[in-house]
Amino acid sequence: MGTPVVIEELANLGMEARGLLAVALHPDRGIGLATVAGSRSVATDDPFAVIGPIEEALAPRWVWWGRSTAEVLAGGPVPIARCWDVVAVDRLLVGGSRVTIGQVWAHLNDLDPSSIPSMGQLDLLSSADEGADKDDPVRPDGYLRPEWVDGGWRDSTARLARWAELALRAATIQHALLDQRPDPERARSTAHCESVAELLCAELAHHGLPVDEDEAASIIAGVAGPRPTDRADEEREQRRRDGDVLRHLGPGHHVNLRNPEEVKSMLRRNGLDLPDTRAWRLEKLRDTSPLIDALLTWRKAERIATTYGYGWLDEHVSGGRLRGEWSSSDGAAGRMTASAGLHNLPAPMRSAVAAEPGHRFVRADLGQIEPRVLAAVSGDPALIAATAEDDLYQPVAERLGVDRDVAKVAVLGAMYGATTGVSAGALRGLQRNYPVAMAFLEEAARQGQLGHDLFTIGGRRIRIGGGSAPDGDIDRALAAAASRGRYARNALIQGAAAEFFKAWAVIVRRRVSPHRAQVVLCLHDELLVHTPVEQAATVADLVADAVAEAAFYWSPEPAVRFLAETSIIARWSEAKD
């Protein structure tokens, strides 16, 4: 049956333009579609031949269960604009990160998550399930059949349609739960962004980050030497790197530089008695000792030689692209994360991240996003006024009567729960001059200390948890409560900042797509967009404009100014930090 007939049938089923349309698909078998009025299946070995015309004619909000569908669509020729990812929205509603479809169904139907059936499980309900309709994905006890969750939904086109129906039912329950949030409209908007961000993650994993493999190999060789042919080669290069540090100790001294306690002892013998060997502490002493300078240089080289060495290159880079797994939510604050070093690439490796011939990167970095988010979610008039400046910390410093750097540390310390050190006096100034923002943070901390869950401005649940003192240990209980308080105030701001970032990222994704450009990296508050060189200037403008669009949709305070620094570059290393 042709696609025009399918579109007509969808209209007859009550599928209005831009409405909800659930989908379940098998790339070689067919596609199942469901609306609130009914469902149908289409047998086809090219689901995009069905999806493409529907997307163009109806622009629905596609509903699907989770990442497996997003991964199929990410590798196809049809750009999907709007979606509802049931698993992604569950993370918003419930909190946490990794979750199964069976767990989502249990959450939505008030079923005990500890009793979710699994494949091969024998229980008292197994006999009651005998003779039941195995083509019904829901068991008599209300749980999803594990064989369906495990992939049985793909076994026939009829099952595809049934699985789509169930996804739509789950999404309908989620809509009702979001309506119970303090700001339902904003919560639904967040759910939309979370869903498209999960699709963007599938696209990021599929397309990868452009990498100059020759340059990457050259950087590794400069640190680790030529590619080793055997273990002896590796050990020889390791001794060479170690020697650059150990030569400062004189003959006969052998220290395992990979053992922090041995390094502490080494430094103590050389007149440096330090509580630990953290990089930030050693950096302050770099100019005072050639030994510390050599140690810090060794650490950077060692990281590239081991974590980002030839093994990393062989495993994760192919066809000129670095690929890793992406998640739209890390659980705690909902930030996007990635594997394969995509979020931790050492600075010396950035020159290997290079646009393909005929292309450029548009790089954009949100400026001072967390204090601007604090201004928006707290509604503090004085802090909102400070966001009018490109450098928010300067007016804060002037208001507090301190240096700009002290003001910055104080603002960040307030959000992270730091109350001591050089910024302690400035913190008291913040409480006097920005009482609304500080009261917002203090209340978050208080709720965290009590073990109460919190909700971001976009409706994401932040799970706190509590617990009594072990064996009545009051000191440990107080320390745990203080830790929860610090976590709560930070997670509330980090979570809101993550929501803003994802709103920006999905708007950029939509705006640049007609220009044959792709988002290829989402790094904390930074985007890299890969674009044809002739479209670079236009794409850069779209990326910058998307910040104001994201603020319009996300920010509860229209007067808060958000900004991003954008540049057009050929290699990531050309970007200013």
Protein backbone atom coordinates (compact mmCIF):
# COMPACT_ATOMS: atom_id res chain seq x y z
CA MET A 1 0.00 0.00 0.00
CA GLY A 2 1.46 3.40 -1.00
CA THR A 3 2.52 6.10 1.40
CA PRO A 4 -0.22 8.57 0.32
CA VAL A 5 -2.79 5.99 1.42
CA VAL A 6 -0.98 5.62 4.77
CA ILE A 7 -1.09 9.39 5.28
CA GLU A 8 -4.81 9.42 4.43
CA GLU A 9 -5.44 6.59 6.89
CA LEU A 10 -3.53 8.43 9.59
CA ALA A 11 -5.75 11.45 9.00
CA ASN A 12 -8.80 9.20 9.31
CA LEU A 13 -7.39 7.85 12.57
CA GLY A 14 -7.32 11.36 13.99
CA MET A 15 -3.68 12.12 13.25
CA GLU A 16 -3.73 15.87 12.82
CA ALA A 17 -0.68 17.80 11.63
CA ARG A 18 1.99 18.14 14.34
CA GLY A 19 0.14 15.70 16.59
CA LEU A 20 1.48 12.63 18.35
CA LEU A 21 2.36 9.66 16.15
CA ALA A 22 3.97 6.62 17.75
CA VAL A 23 6.36 4.51 15.71
CA ALA A 24 8.11 1.16 16.08
CA LEU A 25 10.23 -0.06 13.21
CA HIS A 26 12.42 -2.86 11.94
CA PRO A 27 14.74 -1.71 9.15
CA ASP A 28 14.13 -4.85 7.06
CA ARG A 29 10.62 -5.89 8.09
CA GLY A 30 8.36 -2.90 8.40
CA ILE A 31 6.94 -0.15 10.53
CA GLY A 32 4.15 0.13 13.11
CA LEU A 33 2.26 3.41 13.57
CA ALA A 34 -0.24 4.41 16.25
CA THR A 35 -2.41 7.43 17.00
CA VAL A 36 -4.86 7.97 19.83
CA ALA A 37 -7.61 6.54 17.57
CA GLY A 38 -5.91 3.38 16.34
CA SER A 39 -2.89 1.79 14.73
CA ARG A 40 -1.67 0.14 11.57
CA SER A 41 1.42 -1.56 10.25
CA VAL A 42 3.23 -1.37 6.94
CA ALA A 43 5.41 -4.17 5.59
CA THR A 44 8.46 -2.60 3.94
CA ASP A 45 12.20 -3.06 3.72
CA ASP A 46 12.60 0.72 3.53
CA PRO A 47 10.88 2.38 6.51
CA PHE A 48 12.24 5.77 5.45
CA ALA A 49 10.05 5.60 2.34
CA VAL A 50 7.12 5.76 4.76
CA ILE A 51 8.60 8.05 7.41
CA GLY A 52 9.90 10.68 4.98
CA PRO A 53 6.57 11.62 3.34
CA ILE A 54 4.78 11.54 6.71
CA GLU A 55 7.40 13.87 8.20
CA GLU A 56 7.05 16.24 5.25
CA ALA A 57 3.24 16.17 5.11
CA LEU A 58 2.32 16.07 8.80
CA ALA A 59 5.48 17.00 10.77
CA PRO A 60 4.23 14.92 13.71
CA ARG A 61 5.79 14.61 17.09
CA TRP A 62 7.08 11.07 16.70
CA VAL A 63 6.75 8.95 19.83
CA TRP A 64 9.06 6.00 20.45
CA TRP A 65 10.30 3.97 23.35
CA GLY A 66 13.97 4.81 23.38
CA ARG A 67 17.43 4.86 21.87
CA SER A 68 17.10 1.84 19.55
CA THR A 69 14.61 3.71 17.36
CA ALA A 70 16.65 6.92 17.51
CA GLU A 71 19.73 5.01 16.36
CA VAL A 72 17.93 3.69 13.26
CA LEU A 73 16.61 7.14 12.39
CA ALA A 74 20.01 8.79 13.02
CA GLY A 75 21.55 6.68 10.25
CA GLY A 76 18.81 7.42 7.74
CA PRO A 77 18.19 10.12 5.14
CA VAL A 78 15.16 11.69 6.84
CA PRO A 79 15.82 14.46 9.40
CA ILE A 80 13.31 14.17 12.25
CA ALA A 81 12.35 17.53 13.73
CA ARG A 82 10.13 16.64 16.71
CA CYS A 83 9.90 13.59 18.94
CA TRP A 84 8.95 12.17 22.33
CA ASP A 85 11.39 9.61 23.72
CA VAL A 86 9.62 7.69 26.49
CA VAL A 87 12.80 6.53 28.23
CA ALA A 88 14.35 10.02 28.11
CA VAL A 89 11.20 11.58 29.58
CA ASP A 90 11.19 8.95 32.35
CA ARG A 91 14.63 10.18 33.43
CA LEU A 92 13.15 13.67 33.65
CA LEU A 93 10.19 12.49 35.71
CA VAL A 94 11.89 9.99 38.00
CA GLY A 95 15.52 11.14 38.15
CA GLY A 96 18.57 9.00 37.53
CA SER A 97 20.23 8.02 34.27
CA ARG A 98 20.18 4.49 32.85
CA VAL A 99 16.78 2.84 32.86
CA THR A 100 15.16 -0.05 30.96
CA ILE A 101 11.82 -0.05 29.16
CA GLY A 102 10.54 -2.54 31.73
CA GLN A 103 11.46 -0.14 34.52
CA VAL A 104 9.79 2.76 32.73
CA TRP A 105 6.57 0.76 32.40
CA ALA A 106 6.71 -0.13 36.09
CA HIS A 107 7.22 3.54 37.03
CA LEU A 108 4.22 4.60 34.94
CA ASN A 109 1.90 1.90 36.27
CA ASP A 110 2.88 1.97 39.96
CA LEU A 111 4.39 -1.51 39.79
CA ASP A 112 7.13 -2.68 42.12
CA PRO A 113 10.42 -2.22 40.18
CA SER A 114 12.03 -5.03 42.20
CA SER A 115 9.53 -7.53 40.74
CA ILE A 116 10.11 -6.79 37.05
CA PRO A 117 10.26 -10.16 35.26
CA SER A 118 13.33 -11.10 33.26
CA MET A 119 14.12 -13.60 30.53
CA GLY A 120 14.38 -17.16 31.85
CA GLN A 121 12.82 -16.20 35.17
CA LEU A 122 10.63 -18.74 36.93
CA ASP A 123 8.13 -17.37 39.40
CA LEU A 124 4.69 -18.06 40.85
CA LEU A 125 3.03 -16.15 38.03
CA SER A 126 4.59 -18.28 35.29
CA SER A 127 1.83 -20.89 35.54
CA ALA A 128 -0.83 -18.20 35.58
CA ASP A 129 0.70 -16.84 32.38
CA GLU A 130 0.31 -20.20 30.63
CA GLY A 131 -2.24 -19.98 27.88
CA ALA A 132 -2.28 -16.19 28.01
CA ASP A 133 -2.06 -14.23 24.77
CA LYS A 134 1.69 -14.02 24.18
CA ASP A 135 1.00 -11.45 21.46
CA ASP A 136 -0.11 -9.13 24.22
CA PRO A 137 3.04 -7.33 25.50
CA VAL A 138 1.46 -6.85 28.95
CA ARG A 139 1.30 -9.82 31.34
CA PRO A 140 -1.74 -10.51 33.52
CA ASP A 141 0.14 -9.04 36.48
CA GLY A 142 0.60 -5.74 34.62
CA TYR A 143 4.32 -6.04 33.85
CA LEU A 144 5.69 -6.06 30.32
CA ARG A 145 6.60 -9.48 29.00
CA PRO A 146 10.40 -9.74 29.13
CA GLU A 147 10.51 -11.43 25.73
CA TRP A 148 8.83 -8.38 24.20
CA VAL A 149 11.21 -5.98 25.95
CA ASP A 150 14.13 -8.18 24.86
CA GLY A 151 13.26 -7.67 21.17
CA GLY A 152 10.17 -9.79 20.61
CA TRP A 153 8.30 -6.68 19.54
CA ARG A 154 10.21 -6.91 16.23
CA ASP A 155 8.94 -10.41 15.35
CA SER A 156 6.07 -9.28 13.08
CA THR A 157 4.55 -6.14 11.62
CA ALA A 158 1.50 -6.70 13.83
CA ARG A 159 3.76 -6.64 16.88
CA LEU A 160 5.41 -3.45 15.63
CA ALA A 161 2.00 -1.77 15.60
CA ARG A 162 1.20 -3.11 19.08
CA TRP A 163 4.54 -1.85 20.42
CA ALA A 164 3.82 1.59 18.95
CA GLU A 165 0.40 1.58 20.65
CA LEU A 166 2.05 0.83 23.97
CA ALA A 167 4.63 3.61 23.51
CA LEU A 168 1.79 6.05 22.86
CA ARG A 169 0.01 4.86 26.00
CA ALA A 170 3.21 5.41 28.01
CA ALA A 171 3.66 8.90 26.54
CA THR A 172 0.05 9.76 27.40
CA ILE A 173 0.64 8.81 31.05
CA GLN A 174 3.84 10.87 31.04
CA HIS A 175 1.94 13.90 29.74
CA ALA A 176 -0.49 13.55 32.66
CA LEU A 177 2.38 13.31 35.15
CA LEU A 178 4.07 16.40 33.71
CA ASP A 179 0.79 18.24 34.10
CA GLN A 180 1.26 17.78 37.86
CA ARG A 181 4.55 19.71 37.87
CA PRO A 182 4.40 23.29 39.23
CA ASP A 183 4.89 24.65 35.69
CA PRO A 184 3.36 22.04 33.33
CA GLU A 185 3.99 23.96 30.12
CA ARG A 186 7.66 24.40 30.93
CA ALA A 187 7.94 20.74 31.96
CA ARG A 188 6.47 19.59 28.65
CA SER A 189 8.88 21.88 26.80
CA THR A 190 11.75 20.30 28.74
CA ALA A 191 10.47 16.84 27.82
CA HIS A 192 10.49 17.85 24.16
CA CYS A 193 14.09 19.09 24.43
CA GLU A 194 15.21 15.99 26.34
CA SER A 195 13.73 13.78 23.63
CA VAL A 196 15.38 15.61 20.73
CA ALA A 197 18.64 15.75 22.70
CA GLU A 198 18.53 11.94 22.93
CA LEU A 199 18.04 11.79 19.14
CA LEU A 200 20.95 14.23 18.77
CA CYS A 201 23.07 11.87 20.90
CA ALA A 202 22.27 9.02 18.51
CA GLU A 203 23.29 11.28 15.61
CA LEU A 204 26.52 12.29 17.34
CA ALA A 205 27.39 8.62 17.88
CA HIS A 206 26.55 7.73 14.28
CA HIS A 207 28.30 10.59 12.48
CA GLY A 208 31.27 11.05 14.80
CA LEU A 209 33.68 13.94 15.28
CA PRO A 210 35.94 14.74 12.29
CA VAL A 211 39.56 13.86 13.09
CA ASP A 212 42.79 14.17 11.13
CA GLU A 213 44.16 10.69 11.80
CA ASP A 214 47.66 11.53 10.56
CA GLU A 215 47.84 14.53 12.90
CA ALA A 216 46.55 12.44 15.81
CA ALA A 217 49.18 9.77 15.16
CA SER A 218 51.86 12.46 14.90
CA ILE A 219 50.88 13.94 18.28
CA ILE A 220 50.93 10.52 19.92
CA ALA A 221 54.32 9.73 18.33
CA GLY A 222 55.75 13.00 19.65
CA VAL A 223 54.91 11.87 23.18
CA ALA A 224 54.97 8.07 23.11
CA GLY A 225 57.47 7.51 20.33
CA PRO A 226 56.89 5.42 17.22
CA ARG A 227 54.08 2.89 17.26
CA PRO A 228 55.41 -0.04 19.34
CA THR A 229 55.78 -3.42 17.74
CA ASP A 230 55.71 -5.32 21.03
CA ARG A 231 55.57 -4.94 24.82
CA ALA A 232 59.31 -4.34 25.00
CA ASP A 233 58.91 -1.28 22.78
CA GLU A 234 56.20 0.08 25.08
CA GLU A 235 58.34 -0.44 28.18
CA ARG A 236 61.32 1.24 26.54
CA GLU A 237 59.28 4.35 25.74
CA GLN A 238 57.83 4.34 29.24
CA ARG A 239 61.35 4.37 30.73
CA ARG A 240 62.28 7.23 28.42
CA ARG A 241 59.34 9.33 29.62
CA ASP A 242 60.03 8.48 33.25
CA GLY A 243 63.68 9.43 32.78
CA ASP A 244 62.76 13.04 32.01
CA VAL A 245 61.58 13.30 35.64
CA LEU A 246 63.94 10.92 37.40
CA ARG A 247 67.07 12.63 36.08
CA HIS A 248 66.29 15.50 38.49
CA LEU A 249 66.75 13.10 41.41
CA GLY A 250 70.30 12.09 40.69
CA PRO A 251 71.69 8.59 40.11
CA GLY A 252 70.34 5.58 41.94
CA HIS A 253 66.86 6.95 42.67
CA HIS A 254 63.92 4.87 41.39
CA VAL A 255 60.36 6.09 41.89
CA ASN A 256 57.12 4.72 40.50
CA LEU A 257 55.64 7.93 39.10
CA ARG A 258 52.25 6.22 38.75
CA ASN A 259 52.00 5.74 42.52
CA PRO A 260 50.82 8.95 44.28
CA GLU A 261 52.34 7.94 47.64
CA GLU A 262 55.77 7.35 46.09
CA VAL A 263 55.52 10.70 44.30
CA LYS A 264 54.64 12.43 47.61
CA SER A 265 57.67 10.81 49.23
CA MET A 266 59.86 11.87 46.31
CA LEU A 267 58.74 15.48 46.65
CA ARG A 268 59.20 15.39 50.44
CA ARG A 269 62.79 14.23 50.04
CA ASN A 270 63.31 17.22 47.78
CA GLY A 271 61.98 19.73 50.31
CA LEU A 272 58.32 19.80 49.21
CA ASP A 273 56.03 18.42 51.91
CA LEU A 274 52.58 18.51 50.24
CA PRO A 275 49.25 17.04 51.41
CA ASP A 276 48.64 15.56 47.97
CA THR A 277 49.93 15.68 44.39
CA ARG A 278 46.90 17.15 42.65
CA ALA A 279 47.68 19.06 39.48
CA TRP A 280 46.24 22.39 40.66
CA ARG A 281 48.46 22.31 43.74
CA LEU A 282 51.58 21.45 41.77
CA GLU A 283 50.83 24.10 39.13
CA LYS A 284 51.25 26.81 41.79
CA LEU A 285 54.79 25.54 42.41
CA ARG A 286 55.79 24.85 38.81
CA ASP A 287 58.12 27.85 38.54
CA THR A 288 59.83 27.08 41.86
CA SER A 289 61.24 23.67 40.98
CA PRO A 290 62.45 21.99 37.77
CA LEU A 291 61.37 18.69 39.31
CA ILE A 292 57.73 19.81 39.56
CA ASP A 293 57.85 21.29 36.07
CA ALA A 294 59.14 17.96 34.75
CA LEU A 295 56.51 16.01 36.72
CA LEU A 296 53.63 18.09 35.34
CA THR A 297 54.99 17.77 31.81
CA TRP A 298 55.32 14.00 32.34
CA ARG A 299 51.70 13.73 33.48
CA LYS A 300 50.37 15.34 30.31
CA ALA A 301 52.60 13.16 28.15
CA GLU A 302 51.67 10.02 30.09
CA ARG A 303 47.96 10.71 29.64
CA ILE A 304 48.32 10.97 25.88
CA ALA A 305 50.65 7.98 25.67
CA THR A 306 48.33 5.71 27.63
CA THR A 307 44.70 6.86 27.64
CA TYR A 308 44.93 8.59 24.25
CA GLY A 309 47.63 6.51 22.63
CA TYR A 310 47.73 4.19 19.66
CA GLY A 311 45.23 1.81 21.27
CA TRP A 312 42.70 4.62 21.64
CA LEU A 313 43.28 5.70 18.05
CA ASP A 314 42.77 2.16 16.71
CA GLU A 315 39.68 1.51 18.80
CA HIS A 316 37.72 4.74 18.42
CA VAL A 317 38.86 6.52 15.23
CA SER A 318 38.00 5.20 11.78
CA GLY A 319 37.12 6.78 8.48
CA GLY A 320 38.32 10.13 9.76
CA ARG A 321 35.79 10.22 12.61
CA LEU A 322 36.08 9.75 16.38
CA ARG A 323 33.02 7.88 17.62
CA GLY A 324 31.82 7.16 21.12
CA GLU A 325 28.63 6.51 23.04
CA TRP A 326 26.57 9.55 23.98
CA SER A 327 23.98 10.07 26.70
CA SER A 328 21.63 13.02 26.94
CA SER A 329 21.56 12.78 30.75
CA ASP A 330 24.27 11.86 33.23
CA GLY A 331 21.67 11.30 35.91
CA ALA A 332 22.48 13.82 38.61
CA ALA A 333 22.14 17.14 36.81
CA GLY A 334 21.10 15.87 33.40
CA ARG A 335 24.23 16.94 31.51
CA MET A 336 25.20 15.34 28.21
CA THR A 337 28.11 12.93 28.47
CA ALA A 338 30.19 10.86 26.07
CA SER A 339 32.72 8.05 26.03
CA ALA A 340 35.87 7.44 23.93
CA GLY A 341 37.49 10.58 25.29
CA LEU A 342 35.07 12.94 23.55
CA HIS A 343 34.57 14.89 26.78
CA ASN A 344 38.14 14.65 28.06
CA LEU A 345 40.35 15.11 25.03
CA PRO A 346 43.69 16.63 26.17
CA ALA A 347 44.43 20.11 24.84
CA PRO A 348 47.43 18.94 22.74
CA MET A 349 45.10 16.56 20.86
CA ARG A 350 42.71 19.30 19.80
CA SER A 351 44.75 20.15 16.72
CA ALA A 352 43.81 16.67 15.42
CA VAL A 353 40.11 17.60 15.50
CA ALA A 354 39.94 19.07 12.01
CA ALA A 355 37.13 19.95 9.64
CA GLU A 356 37.00 17.91 6.47
CA PRO A 357 38.16 19.47 3.16
CA GLY A 358 35.67 22.08 2.02
CA HIS A 359 34.28 22.43 5.53
CA ARG A 360 34.80 24.46 8.69
CA PHE A 361 33.78 24.24 12.32
CA VAL A 362 31.56 26.83 13.89
CA ARG A 363 32.58 26.75 17.52
CA ALA A 364 30.39 28.40 20.15
CA ASP A 365 30.77 28.58 23.92
CA LEU A 366 28.11 29.84 26.32
CA GLY A 367 29.54 32.63 28.45
CA GLN A 368 29.29 32.40 32.26
CA ILE A 369 26.23 30.20 31.90
CA GLU A 370 25.83 29.11 35.53
CA PRO A 371 25.59 32.57 37.19
CA ARG A 372 23.26 33.68 34.39
CA VAL A 373 21.11 30.64 35.05
CA LEU A 374 21.15 31.47 38.78
CA ALA A 375 19.87 34.95 37.94
CA ALA A 376 17.08 33.46 35.82
CA VAL A 377 15.87 30.79 38.23
CA SER A 378 16.15 32.93 41.37
CA GLY A 379 14.76 36.14 39.89
CA ASP A 380 17.27 38.28 41.82
CA PRO A 381 16.92 41.80 40.32
CA ALA A 382 20.50 42.87 41.04
CA LEU A 383 21.99 39.70 39.54
CA ILE A 384 19.68 39.99 36.53
CA ALA A 385 21.02 43.51 35.98
CA ALA A 386 24.59 42.17 36.07
CA THR A 387 23.82 39.79 33.18
CA ALA A 388 23.51 42.80 30.86
CA GLU A 389 27.32 42.96 30.78
CA ASP A 390 29.49 40.66 28.68
CA ASP A 391 31.54 39.99 31.82
CA LEU A 392 28.99 39.44 34.56
CA TYR A 393 31.66 39.22 37.27
CA GLN A 394 32.82 42.81 36.79
CA PRO A 395 29.62 44.54 37.99
CA VAL A 396 29.39 42.00 40.80
CA ALA A 397 32.96 42.88 41.85
CA GLU A 398 32.18 46.61 41.78
CA ARG A 399 29.05 46.09 43.86
CA LEU A 400 30.98 44.02 46.42
CA GLY A 401 34.04 46.27 46.39
CA VAL A 402 36.45 43.41 45.61
CA ASP A 403 38.67 42.34 42.74
CA ARG A 404 37.00 40.69 39.79
CA ASP A 405 38.71 37.34 40.42
CA VAL A 406 37.54 37.32 44.04
CA ALA A 407 33.99 38.05 42.92
CA LYS A 408 34.13 35.16 40.46
CA VAL A 409 35.36 32.72 43.11
CA ALA A 410 32.67 33.95 45.49
CA VAL A 411 29.81 33.49 42.99
CA LEU A 412 31.02 30.04 41.99
CA GLY A 413 31.63 29.17 45.64
CA ALA A 414 28.06 30.13 46.51
CA MET A 415 26.76 27.72 43.86
CA TYR A 416 29.17 24.95 44.84
CA GLY A 417 28.74 25.36 48.59
CA ALA A 418 32.24 26.68 49.38
CA THR A 419 32.16 28.91 52.45
CA THR A 420 35.82 29.28 53.39
CA GLY A 421 39.00 30.69 51.86
CA VAL A 422 39.75 34.04 50.28
CA SER A 423 36.19 34.45 49.03
CA ALA A 424 34.52 34.01 52.46
CA GLY A 425 34.20 37.76 53.01
CA ALA A 426 32.87 38.26 49.49
CA LEU A 427 30.29 35.55 50.15
CA ARG A 428 28.90 37.65 52.99
CA GLY A 429 28.79 40.54 50.54
CA LEU A 430 26.80 38.40 48.12
CA GLN A 431 24.24 37.72 50.83
CA ARG A 432 23.82 41.45 51.43
CA ASN A 433 23.78 42.53 47.79
CA TYR A 434 22.09 39.56 46.12
CA PRO A 435 19.75 38.31 48.86
CA VAL A 436 17.19 36.71 46.52
CA ALA A 437 19.78 34.57 44.70
CA MET A 438 21.52 33.59 47.92
CA ALA A 439 18.21 32.72 49.60
CA PHE A 440 17.37 30.51 46.61
CA LEU A 441 20.64 28.61 47.03
CA GLU A 442 20.28 28.38 50.79
CA GLU A 443 16.80 26.93 50.50
CA ALA A 444 18.06 24.34 48.01
CA ALA A 445 20.83 23.42 50.44
CA ARG A 446 18.35 23.18 53.33
CA GLN A 447 16.08 20.85 51.38
CA GLY A 448 19.09 18.75 50.42
CA GLN A 449 20.25 18.52 54.04
CA LEU A 450 16.80 17.21 54.95
CA GLY A 451 17.05 14.58 52.21
CA HIS A 452 14.20 16.02 50.13
CA ASP A 453 14.20 15.61 46.35
CA LEU A 454 14.40 18.82 44.31
CA PHE A 455 13.08 19.86 40.92
CA THR A 456 14.87 22.03 38.38
CA ILE A 457 13.07 24.92 36.74
CA GLY A 458 12.32 22.57 33.83
CA GLY A 459 10.78 19.92 36.07
CA ARG A 460 13.66 17.40 36.31
CA ARG A 461 13.62 15.47 39.57
CA ILE A 462 16.95 15.57 41.40
CA ARG A 463 17.11 12.65 43.78
CA ILE A 464 18.81 13.46 47.07
CA GLY A 465 18.21 10.59 49.46
CA GLY A 466 18.92 10.67 53.16
CA GLY A 467 19.45 8.14 55.88
CA SER A 468 20.07 8.00 59.58
CA ALA A 469 23.47 8.20 61.19
CA PRO A 470 25.30 4.86 61.28
CA ASP A 471 25.21 3.59 64.86
CA GLY A 472 23.90 6.97 65.95
CA ASP A 473 27.08 8.76 64.87
CA ILE A 474 25.90 12.38 64.98
CA ASP A 475 29.12 13.81 63.53
CA ARG A 476 28.87 11.58 60.49
CA ALA A 477 25.20 12.40 60.12
CA LEU A 478 25.91 16.13 60.19
CA ALA A 479 28.74 15.73 57.67
CA ALA A 480 26.45 13.71 55.38
CA ALA A 481 23.72 16.33 55.64
CA ALA A 482 26.18 19.11 54.80
CA SER A 483 27.37 17.11 51.79
CA ARG A 484 23.78 16.67 50.60
CA GLY A 485 23.23 20.40 50.96
CA ARG A 486 26.26 21.25 48.83
CA TYR A 487 25.19 18.70 46.24
CA ALA A 488 21.63 20.03 46.15
CA ARG A 489 22.50 23.68 45.58
CA ASN A 490 24.97 22.75 42.84
CA ALA A 491 22.77 20.16 41.13
CA LEU A 492 19.86 22.58 40.98
CA ILE A 493 21.94 25.12 39.03
CA GLN A 494 23.84 22.51 37.01
CA GLY A 495 20.55 20.86 36.10
CA ALA A 496 18.99 24.12 34.96
CA ALA A 497 22.14 24.99 32.98
CA ALA A 498 21.98 21.57 31.31
CA GLU A 499 18.37 22.24 30.33
CA PHE A 500 19.33 25.57 28.78
CA PHE A 501 22.29 24.02 26.95
CA LYS A 502 20.15 21.23 25.48
CA ALA A 503 17.47 23.71 24.41
CA TRP A 504 20.20 25.66 22.61
CA ALA A 505 21.72 22.53 21.07
CA VAL A 506 18.44 21.20 19.67
CA ILE A 507 17.53 24.61 18.24
CA VAL A 508 20.96 24.78 16.58
CA ARG A 509 20.43 21.24 15.23
CA ARG A 510 17.15 22.27 13.64
CA ARG A 511 18.33 25.62 12.30
CA VAL A 512 21.56 24.43 10.65
CA SER A 513 20.21 21.24 9.07
CA PRO A 514 18.94 22.95 5.86
CA HIS A 515 22.48 24.25 5.35
CA ARG A 516 23.96 20.73 5.30
CA ALA A 517 25.61 21.39 8.67
CA GLN A 518 25.75 19.02 11.64
CA VAL A 519 26.33 19.36 15.36
CA VAL A 520 29.37 17.10 15.94
CA LEU A 521 30.30 17.86 19.56
CA CYS A 522 28.44 18.93 22.69
CA LEU A 523 31.02 19.60 25.39
CA HIS A 524 29.58 20.94 28.66
CA ASP A 525 28.75 24.49 27.48
CA GLU A 526 30.39 24.30 24.05
CA LEU A 527 29.15 23.29 20.60
CA LEU A 528 31.06 22.35 17.47
CA VAL A 529 29.07 22.47 14.22
CA HIS A 530 30.57 21.00 11.04
CA THR A 531 29.50 23.03 8.03
CA PRO A 532 30.35 23.48 4.34
CA VAL A 533 32.78 26.39 4.10
CA GLU A 534 30.44 28.45 1.91
CA GLN A 535 27.73 28.20 4.61
CA ALA A 536 30.02 28.89 7.56
CA ALA A 537 29.15 32.57 8.06
CA THR A 538 25.42 31.88 7.83
CA VAL A 539 25.67 28.94 10.22
CA ALA A 540 27.70 31.02 12.70
CA ASP A 541 24.93 33.63 12.74
CA LEU A 542 22.29 30.93 13.26
CA VAL A 543 24.24 29.42 16.17
CA ALA A 544 24.59 32.82 17.83
CA ASP A 545 20.92 33.71 17.26
CA ALA A 546 19.85 30.37 18.72
CA VAL A 547 21.07 31.52 22.15
CA ALA A 548 18.40 34.23 22.27
CA GLU A 549 15.80 31.77 20.95
CA ALA A 550 16.71 29.25 23.65
CA ALA A 551 16.47 31.99 26.28
CA PHE A 552 13.03 32.99 24.97
CA TYR A 553 11.70 29.47 25.41
CA TRP A 554 13.60 28.50 28.53
CA SER A 555 14.26 31.49 30.76
CA PRO A 556 11.63 32.42 33.36
CA GLU A 557 13.17 35.93 33.45
CA PRO A 558 13.17 37.59 29.99
CA ALA A 559 15.59 40.31 31.15
CA VAL A 560 18.42 37.82 31.77
CA ARG A 561 20.99 38.06 29.00
CA PHE A 562 22.62 34.89 27.71
CA LEU A 563 25.48 35.03 25.26
CA ALA A 564 27.85 32.80 23.34
CA GLU A 565 31.23 33.47 21.78
CA THR A 566 31.32 32.06 18.24
CA SER A 567 34.15 31.57 15.79
CA ILE A 568 34.78 29.89 12.46
CA ILE A 569 37.80 27.59 12.61
CA ALA A 570 39.45 24.78 10.67
CA ARG A 571 40.81 22.98 13.74
CA TRP A 572 39.52 22.87 17.29
CA SER A 573 42.90 24.06 18.58
CA GLU A 574 42.30 27.43 16.89
CA ALA A 575 39.51 28.22 19.35
CA LYS A 576 40.28 30.52 22.24
CA ASP A 577 39.85 29.01 25.70
